[in-house]
C-alpha atoms as a PDB file:
ATOM      1  CA  MET A   1     -15.915 -25.844   1.990  1.00  0.00           C
ATOM      2  CA  LYS A   2     -15.543 -22.987  -0.509  1.00  0.00           C
ATOM      3  CA  LYS A   3     -15.817 -20.456   2.315  1.00  0.00           C
ATOM      4  CA  LEU A   4     -13.006 -22.184   4.207  1.00  0.00           C
ATOM      5  CA  VAL A   5     -10.736 -22.187   1.154  1.00  0.00           C
ATOM      6  CA  CYS A   6     -11.504 -18.495   0.508  1.00  0.00           C
ATOM      7  CA  LEU A   7     -10.829 -17.660   4.159  1.00  0.00           C
ATOM      8  CA  ILE A   8      -7.472 -19.449   4.109  1.00  0.00           C
ATOM      9  CA  PHE A   9      -6.550 -17.727   0.837  1.00  0.00           C
ATOM     10  CA  ALA A  10      -7.530 -14.300   2.209  1.00  0.00           C
ATOM     11  CA  LEU A  11      -5.534 -14.893   5.389  1.00  0.00           C
ATOM     12  CA  GLY A  12      -2.470 -15.947   3.385  1.00  0.00           C
ATOM     13  CA  LEU A  13      -2.788 -12.896   1.143  1.00  0.00           C
ATOM     14  CA  PHE A  14      -3.065 -10.621   4.192  1.00  0.00           C
ATOM     15  CA  VAL A  15       0.089 -12.093   5.747  1.00  0.00           C
ATOM     16  CA  PHE A  16       1.976 -11.733   2.445  1.00  0.00           C
ATOM     17  CA  VAL A  17       0.913  -8.114   1.897  1.00  0.00           C
ATOM     18  CA  SER A  18       1.554  -7.032   5.488  1.00  0.00           C
ATOM     19  CA  GLY A  19       5.121  -8.354   5.264  1.00  0.00           C
ATOM     20  CA  CYS A  20       5.844  -6.334   2.118  1.00  0.00           C
ATOM     21  CA  GLY A  21       5.483  -2.945   3.804  1.00  0.00           C
ATOM     22  CA  LYS A  22       8.731  -2.963   5.765  1.00  0.00           C
ATOM     23  CA  THR A  23      10.745   0.245   5.706  1.00  0.00           C
ATOM     24  CA  LYS A  24      14.138   1.546   6.722  1.00  0.00           C
ATOM     25  CA  ILE A  25      14.859   4.964   8.196  1.00  0.00           C
ATOM     26  CA  LEU A  26      17.205   7.480   6.539  1.00  0.00           C
ATOM     27  CA  THR A  27      18.076  11.016   7.663  1.00  0.00           C
ATOM     28  CA  CYS A  28      17.117  14.126   5.693  1.00  0.00           C
ATOM     29  CA  ASP A  29      20.209  16.107   4.708  1.00  0.00           C
ATOM     30  CA  GLY A  30      18.246  19.362   4.836  1.00  0.00           C
ATOM     31  CA  CYS A  31      16.671  19.354   8.293  1.00  0.00           C
ATOM     32  CA  GLY A  32      17.691  16.064   9.941  1.00  0.00           C
ATOM     33  CA  ALA A  33      14.196  14.574   9.950  1.00  0.00           C
ATOM     34  CA  GLN A  34      13.657  10.854   9.544  1.00  0.00           C
ATOM     35  CA  VAL A  35      12.685   9.667   6.062  1.00  0.00           C
ATOM     36  CA  GLU A  36      11.133   6.235   5.546  1.00  0.00           C
ATOM     37  CA  VAL A  37      12.001   4.289   2.388  1.00  0.00           C
ATOM     38  CA  SER A  38      11.212   0.749   1.337  1.00  0.00           C
ATOM     39  CA  GLU A  39      13.439  -1.895   2.849  1.00  0.00           C
ATOM     40  CA  THR A  40      14.098  -3.273  -0.637  1.00  0.00           C
ATOM     41  CA  SER A  41      15.424   0.112  -1.816  1.00  0.00           C
ATOM     42  CA  ASN A  42      19.172   0.392  -2.355  1.00  0.00           C
ATOM     43  CA  MET A  43      19.202   3.892  -0.808  1.00  0.00           C
ATOM     44  CA  THR A  44      21.538   4.459   2.148  1.00  0.00           C
ATOM     45  CA  ASP A  45      22.508   7.437   4.302  1.00  0.00           C
ATOM     46  CA  ASP A  46      25.449   7.913   1.907  1.00  0.00           C
ATOM     47  CA  TRP A  47      22.921   9.280  -0.609  1.00  0.00           C
ATOM     48  CA  ILE A  48      21.695  12.885  -0.515  1.00  0.00           C
ATOM     49  CA  VAL A  49      18.180  12.442   0.881  1.00  0.00           C
ATOM     50  CA  PHE A  50      15.556  15.151   1.397  1.00  0.00           C
ATOM     51  CA  CYS A  51      12.214  14.863   3.177  1.00  0.00           C
ATOM     52  CA  ALA A  52       9.059  16.080   1.415  1.00  0.00           C
ATOM     53  CA  GLU A  53       9.243  19.516   3.064  1.00  0.00           C
ATOM     54  CA  CYS A  54      12.882  20.151   2.164  1.00  0.00           C
ATOM     55  CA  ASP A  55      12.320  18.823  -1.352  1.00  0.00           C
ATOM     56  CA  ASP A  56       9.749  21.593  -1.947  1.00  0.00           C
ATOM     57  CA  ILE A  57      12.250  24.395  -1.235  1.00  0.00           C
ATOM     58  CA  ASP A  58      12.838  26.561  -4.310  1.00  0.00           C
ATOM     59  CA  LEU A  59      16.621  26.723  -4.547  1.00  0.00           C
ATOM     60  CA  GLU A  60      16.623  29.228  -7.419  1.00  0.00           C
ATOM     61  CA  ASN A  61      15.093  31.965  -5.241  1.00  0.00           C
ATOM     62  CA  ALA A  62      17.038  31.139  -2.071  1.00  0.00           C
END
């Protein structure tokens, strides 16, 4: 009986956690690549968004 309860709990936890990873796609303003952010984020394409590669560019020496 304990194994059944633990199995049901683990299955419920898996379903809950897998539903929390949803993302939305934004566009990098530097190169046009797609950038994934959490669906719960308030970020939109109206924001200035950079991907990881464009964020590493040293603007002082450009």
